[in-house]
């Protein structure tokens, strides 16, 4: 994967401060890139769609940095850093 698609969803989440659910999508030259997340108490579920031929880094609160390739990937983390209020 020579190209890396960089998307910082954390700063968008912080800026918009959604109550529970947020979806964002972007048509890139490589195809659709999208991220959605849902908070349920102290549980945060993030689904990221990465365009073909690219990779993405997924940085979640209280978790290691994940590098993923093309496709749709879902991650769930639980902890106080995922609760109500702006994410980190």
Protein backbone atom coordinates (compact mmCIF):
# COMPACT_ATOMS: atom_id res chain seq x y z
CA UNK A 1 0.00 0.00 0.00
CA UNK A 2 1.99 2.93 -1.26
CA UNK A 3 -0.72 5.51 -0.60
CA UNK A 4 -1.97 6.25 2.90
CA UNK A 5 -5.30 7.97 3.40
CA UNK A 6 -5.06 10.23 6.48
CA UNK A 7 -8.32 11.01 8.27
CA UNK A 8 -8.45 12.47 11.76
CA UNK A 9 -11.97 11.71 12.93
CA UNK A 10 -11.16 12.57 16.55
CA UNK A 11 -10.78 16.28 15.86
CA UNK A 12 -14.06 16.32 13.91
CA UNK A 13 -15.83 14.57 16.78
CA UNK A 14 -14.37 17.09 19.22
CA UNK A 15 -15.39 20.05 17.07
CA UNK A 16 -18.97 18.90 16.58
CA UNK A 17 -19.44 17.17 19.97
CA UNK A 18 -22.33 14.93 18.90
CA UNK A 19 -24.53 13.53 21.63
CA UNK A 20 -24.33 9.88 20.56
CA UNK A 21 -23.90 9.25 16.84
CA UNK A 22 -21.98 10.82 13.97
CA UNK A 23 -21.37 9.88 10.33
CA UNK A 24 -18.94 11.54 7.92
CA UNK A 25 -18.08 10.52 4.36
CA UNK A 26 -15.77 11.81 1.67
CA UNK A 27 -15.52 10.92 -2.01
CA UNK A 28 -11.76 10.70 -2.67
CA UNK A 29 -9.92 10.05 -5.94
CA UNK A 30 -9.61 6.42 -4.68
CA UNK A 31 -13.27 5.96 -3.77
CA UNK A 32 -15.46 6.43 -0.72
CA UNK A 33 -13.86 7.09 2.66
CA UNK A 34 -16.24 7.14 5.59
CA UNK A 35 -16.32 7.01 9.35
CA UNK A 36 -19.20 6.64 11.76
CA UNK A 37 -19.23 6.34 15.48
CA UNK A 38 -21.74 5.72 18.22
CA UNK A 39 -21.44 6.20 21.95
CA UNK A 40 -23.46 4.13 24.38
CA UNK A 41 -22.44 5.06 27.92
CA UNK A 42 -18.76 4.18 28.20
CA UNK A 43 -18.71 2.20 24.93
CA UNK A 44 -17.57 3.75 21.66
CA UNK A 45 -18.08 1.86 18.38
CA UNK A 46 -16.29 3.20 15.30
CA UNK A 47 -16.77 1.94 11.74
CA UNK A 48 -14.27 3.12 9.12
CA UNK A 49 -14.47 2.55 5.37
CA UNK A 50 -11.12 2.82 3.60
CA UNK A 51 -10.96 3.26 -0.20
CA UNK A 52 -9.35 0.60 -2.42
CA UNK A 53 -5.58 0.84 -2.79
CA UNK A 54 -5.13 2.90 0.39
CA UNK A 55 -4.60 2.44 4.12
CA UNK A 56 -5.74 4.36 7.18
CA UNK A 57 -4.66 4.79 10.78
CA UNK A 58 -7.44 4.44 13.35
CA UNK A 59 -6.64 6.12 16.67
CA UNK A 60 -9.18 5.35 19.41
CA UNK A 61 -9.23 6.47 23.06
CA UNK A 62 -7.50 3.99 25.36
CA UNK A 63 -6.44 1.75 22.47
CA UNK A 64 -3.39 1.14 20.31
CA UNK A 65 -3.07 2.77 16.90
CA UNK A 66 -4.49 0.46 14.22
CA UNK A 67 -3.36 0.55 10.58
CA UNK A 68 -5.97 -0.96 8.29
CA UNK A 69 -6.23 -1.54 4.57
CA UNK A 70 -9.09 -1.07 2.15
CA UNK A 71 -12.53 -2.21 3.26
CA UNK A 72 -14.88 -1.62 6.17
CA UNK A 73 -13.55 -2.09 9.69
CA UNK A 74 -15.39 -1.87 13.04
CA UNK A 75 -13.74 -1.21 16.39
CA UNK A 76 -15.24 -1.08 19.88
CA UNK A 77 -13.57 0.39 22.96
CA UNK A 78 -14.92 0.75 26.47
CA UNK A 79 -13.79 3.02 29.26
CA UNK A 80 -14.33 6.35 30.91
CA UNK A 81 -12.54 8.19 28.07
CA UNK A 82 -15.39 7.02 25.79
CA UNK A 83 -18.21 8.36 27.95
CA UNK A 84 -20.30 11.52 27.49
CA UNK A 85 -18.50 14.73 26.58
CA UNK A 86 -15.92 15.47 23.91
CA UNK A 87 -13.63 12.63 22.92
CA UNK A 88 -9.91 13.19 23.24
